C-alpha atoms as a PDB file:
ATOM      1  CA  MET A   1      -9.032 262.589  43.531  1.00  0.00           C
ATOM      2  CA  GLN A   2     -10.025 259.235  42.105  1.00  0.00           C
ATOM      3  CA  ILE A   3      -8.219 257.306  44.844  1.00  0.00           C
ATOM      4  CA  VAL A   4      -9.606 259.172  47.883  1.00  0.00           C
ATOM      5  CA  PRO A   5     -12.541 261.327  46.735  1.00  0.00           C
ATOM      6  CA  GLU A   6     -13.333 262.605  50.246  1.00  0.00           C
ATOM      7  CA  LEU A   7     -10.083 264.625  50.205  1.00  0.00           C
ATOM      8  CA  GLU A   8     -11.285 266.808  47.325  1.00  0.00           C
ATOM      9  CA  PRO A   9     -12.547 269.674  49.553  1.00  0.00           C
ATOM     10  CA  VAL A  10      -9.155 269.813  51.278  1.00  0.00           C
ATOM     11  CA  LEU A  11      -6.843 269.526  48.267  1.00  0.00           C
ATOM     12  CA  VAL A  12      -8.756 271.219  45.452  1.00  0.00           C
ATOM     13  CA  THR A  13      -9.368 274.927  45.785  1.00  0.00           C
ATOM     14  CA  GLY A  14     -10.998 277.176  43.302  1.00  0.00           C
ATOM     15  CA  HIS A  15     -10.223 280.754  42.419  1.00  0.00           C
ATOM     16  CA  PRO A  16     -12.064 283.147  40.191  1.00  0.00           C
ATOM     17  CA  PRO A  17     -10.935 283.218  36.574  1.00  0.00           C
ATOM     18  CA  GLY A  18      -8.639 286.036  35.632  1.00  0.00           C
ATOM     19  CA  THR A  19      -6.907 286.358  39.006  1.00  0.00           C
ATOM     20  CA  ASP A  20      -3.646 284.955  37.679  1.00  0.00           C
ATOM     21  CA  GLY A  21      -1.316 287.485  36.120  1.00  0.00           C
ATOM     22  CA  PRO A  22       0.133 287.045  32.660  1.00  0.00           C
ATOM     23  CA  PRO A  23       2.677 284.220  32.591  1.00  0.00           C
ATOM     24  CA  LEU A  24       6.341 284.924  31.990  1.00  0.00           C
ATOM     25  CA  GLY A  25       7.244 283.300  28.681  1.00  0.00           C
ATOM     26  CA  TYR A  26      10.093 280.832  28.447  1.00  0.00           C
ATOM     27  CA  GLY A  27      13.339 282.649  27.895  1.00  0.00           C
ATOM     28  CA  ALA A  28      11.715 286.054  28.281  1.00  0.00           C
ATOM     29  CA  ARG A  29      13.525 288.845  30.045  1.00  0.00           C
ATOM     30  CA  GLN A  30      12.094 289.312  33.500  1.00  0.00           C
ATOM     31  CA  ARG A  31      10.597 292.657  34.433  1.00  0.00           C
ATOM     32  CA  PHE A  32      10.938 294.148  37.904  1.00  0.00           C
ATOM     33  CA  ALA A  33       7.136 293.977  38.386  1.00  0.00           C
ATOM     34  CA  GLU A  34       7.253 290.166  38.030  1.00  0.00           C
ATOM     35  CA  MET A  35      10.008 289.758  40.621  1.00  0.00           C
ATOM     36  CA  ALA A  36       7.588 288.955  43.471  1.00  0.00           C
ATOM     37  CA  SER A  37       6.044 285.993  41.638  1.00  0.00           C
ATOM     38  CA  SER A  38       9.498 284.794  40.659  1.00  0.00           C
ATOM     39  CA  LEU A  39      10.639 284.806  44.294  1.00  0.00           C
ATOM     40  CA  THR A  40       8.086 282.146  45.209  1.00  0.00           C
ATOM     41  CA  THR A  41       9.750 279.393  43.185  1.00  0.00           C
ATOM     42  CA  THR A  42      11.737 276.662  44.893  1.00  0.00           C
ATOM     43  CA  SER A  43      14.988 277.629  43.220  1.00  0.00           C
ATOM     44  CA  SER A  44      14.676 281.267  44.284  1.00  0.00           C
ATOM     45  CA  VAL A  45      13.886 280.288  47.885  1.00  0.00           C
ATOM     46  CA  VAL A  46      16.983 278.067  47.934  1.00  0.00           C
ATOM     47  CA  ALA A  47      19.066 280.882  46.422  1.00  0.00           C
ATOM     48  CA  THR A  48      17.769 283.293  49.070  1.00  0.00           C
ATOM     49  CA  LEU A  49      18.620 280.874  51.862  1.00  0.00           C
ATOM     50  CA  ASN A  50      22.086 280.325  50.367  1.00  0.00           C
ATOM     51  CA  SER A  51      22.677 284.084  50.244  1.00  0.00           C
ATOM     52  CA  VAL A  52      21.572 284.569  53.845  1.00  0.00           C
ATOM     53  CA  LEU A  53      23.742 281.655  54.949  1.00  0.00           C
ATOM     54  CA  ALA A  54      26.779 283.053  53.106  1.00  0.00           C
ATOM     55  CA  GLY A  55      26.307 286.425  54.800  1.00  0.00           C
ATOM     56  CA  SER A  56      25.817 284.813  58.197  1.00  0.00           C
ATOM     57  CA  LEU A  57      28.941 282.706  57.849  1.00  0.00           C
ATOM     58  CA  ALA A  58      31.002 285.718  56.752  1.00  0.00           C
ATOM     59  CA  SER A  59      29.687 287.678  59.744  1.00  0.00           C
ATOM     60  CA  ALA A  60      30.431 284.840  62.133  1.00  0.00           C
ATOM     61  CA  VAL A  61      34.013 284.456  60.911  1.00  0.00           C
ATOM     62  CA  ILE A  62      34.684 288.189  61.188  1.00  0.00           C
ATOM     63  CA  ALA A  63      32.988 288.361  64.595  1.00  0.00           C
ATOM     64  CA  LEU A  64      35.249 285.552  65.847  1.00  0.00           C
ATOM     65  CA  ALA A  65      38.225 287.628  64.726  1.00  0.00           C
ATOM     66  CA  GLY A  66      37.086 290.367  67.112  1.00  0.00           C
ATOM     67  CA  SER A  67      35.933 293.012  64.624  1.00  0.00           C
ATOM     68  CA  ALA A  68      33.543 295.819  65.519  1.00  0.00           C
ATOM     69  CA  THR A  69      29.835 295.058  65.385  1.00  0.00           C
ATOM     70  CA  ALA A  70      29.112 297.622  62.676  1.00  0.00           C
ATOM     71  CA  PHE A  71      31.764 296.065  60.432  1.00  0.00           C
ATOM     72  CA  VAL A  72      30.440 292.551  61.097  1.00  0.00           C
ATOM     73  CA  VAL A  73      26.891 293.569  60.155  1.00  0.00           C
ATOM     74  CA  THR A  74      28.028 295.526  57.090  1.00  0.00           C
ATOM     75  CA  LEU A  75      30.170 292.668  55.822  1.00  0.00           C
ATOM     76  CA  GLY A  76      27.395 290.099  56.344  1.00  0.00           C
ATOM     77  CA  LEU A  77      24.898 292.279  54.520  1.00  0.00           C
ATOM     78  CA  GLY A  78      27.339 292.922  51.694  1.00  0.00           C
ATOM     79  CA  VAL A  79      28.153 289.239  51.218  1.00  0.00           C
ATOM     80  CA  SER A  80      24.417 288.379  51.221  1.00  0.00           C
ATOM     81  CA  LEU A  81      23.611 291.025  48.609  1.00  0.00           C
ATOM     82  CA  ILE A  82      26.528 290.058  46.363  1.00  0.00           C
ATOM     83  CA  SER A  83      25.529 286.400  46.602  1.00  0.00           C
ATOM     84  CA  ALA A  84      21.913 287.265  45.759  1.00  0.00           C
ATOM     85  CA  ALA A  85      23.025 289.338  42.746  1.00  0.00           C
ATOM     86  CA  LEU A  86      25.153 286.434  41.496  1.00  0.00           C
ATOM     87  CA  HIS A  87      22.206 284.044  41.857  1.00  0.00           C
ATOM     88  CA  VAL A  88      19.942 286.384  39.858  1.00  0.00           C
ATOM     89  CA  ARG A  89      22.548 286.795  37.098  1.00  0.00           C
ATOM     90  CA  TYR A  90      23.101 283.048  36.884  1.00  0.00           C
ATOM     91  CA  ALA A  91      19.344 282.356  36.687  1.00  0.00           C
ATOM     92  CA  ALA A  92      18.927 284.960  33.934  1.00  0.00           C
ATOM     93  CA  ARG A  93      21.853 283.520  31.975  1.00  0.00           C
ATOM     94  CA  TYR A  94      20.408 280.012  32.371  1.00  0.00           C
ATOM     95  CA  ARG A  95      16.997 281.142  31.091  1.00  0.00           C
ATOM     96  CA  ARG A  96      18.557 282.823  28.060  1.00  0.00           C
ATOM     97  CA  SER A  97      20.778 279.893  27.115  1.00  0.00           C
ATOM     98  CA  HIS A  98      18.645 276.832  27.930  1.00  0.00           C
ATOM     99  CA  LEU A  99      15.089 277.785  27.128  1.00  0.00           C
ATOM    100  CA  ALA A 100      13.452 278.215  23.758  1.00  0.00           C
ATOM    101  CA  PRO A 101      13.260 281.766  22.417  1.00  0.00           C
ATOM    102  CA  VAL A 102       9.950 283.526  22.877  1.00  0.00           C
ATOM    103  CA  ALA A 103       7.912 284.169  19.757  1.00  0.00           C
ATOM    104  CA  VAL A 104       7.202 287.855  19.332  1.00  0.00           C
ATOM    105  CA  GLU A 105       3.814 288.903  17.990  1.00  0.00           C
ATOM    106  CA  GLY A 106       4.068 290.029  14.398  1.00  0.00           C
ATOM    107  CA  ASP A 107       7.436 288.308  13.874  1.00  0.00           C
ATOM    108  CA  ASP A 108       7.280 286.071  10.797  1.00  0.00           C
ATOM    109  CA  ARG A 109      10.621 284.381  11.465  1.00  0.00           C
ATOM    110  CA  ALA A 110       9.879 280.873  12.681  1.00  0.00           C
END
């Protein structure tokens, strides 16, 4: 804001304190309730698009082979869901292996 101060009303927004939820600690296991906030990250959006694309491509290939519509839709949905599950597992494994362990309250091991 030091370079172009007149842009401050456009770029800086305030929000009341306490509206943010508790942060997910590095390396912490993710709870289902925090899934929505996790889905807004760039990596999760890319993973979602990859999963949808994989399902669409599988559907298109099977549709070109002349399969029934119900089978085409079922296969596309299945491929998308399997791809999404693999992305979630990979992200969880990455968090566990690459990020520092979370300190637990009352744990004296440091």
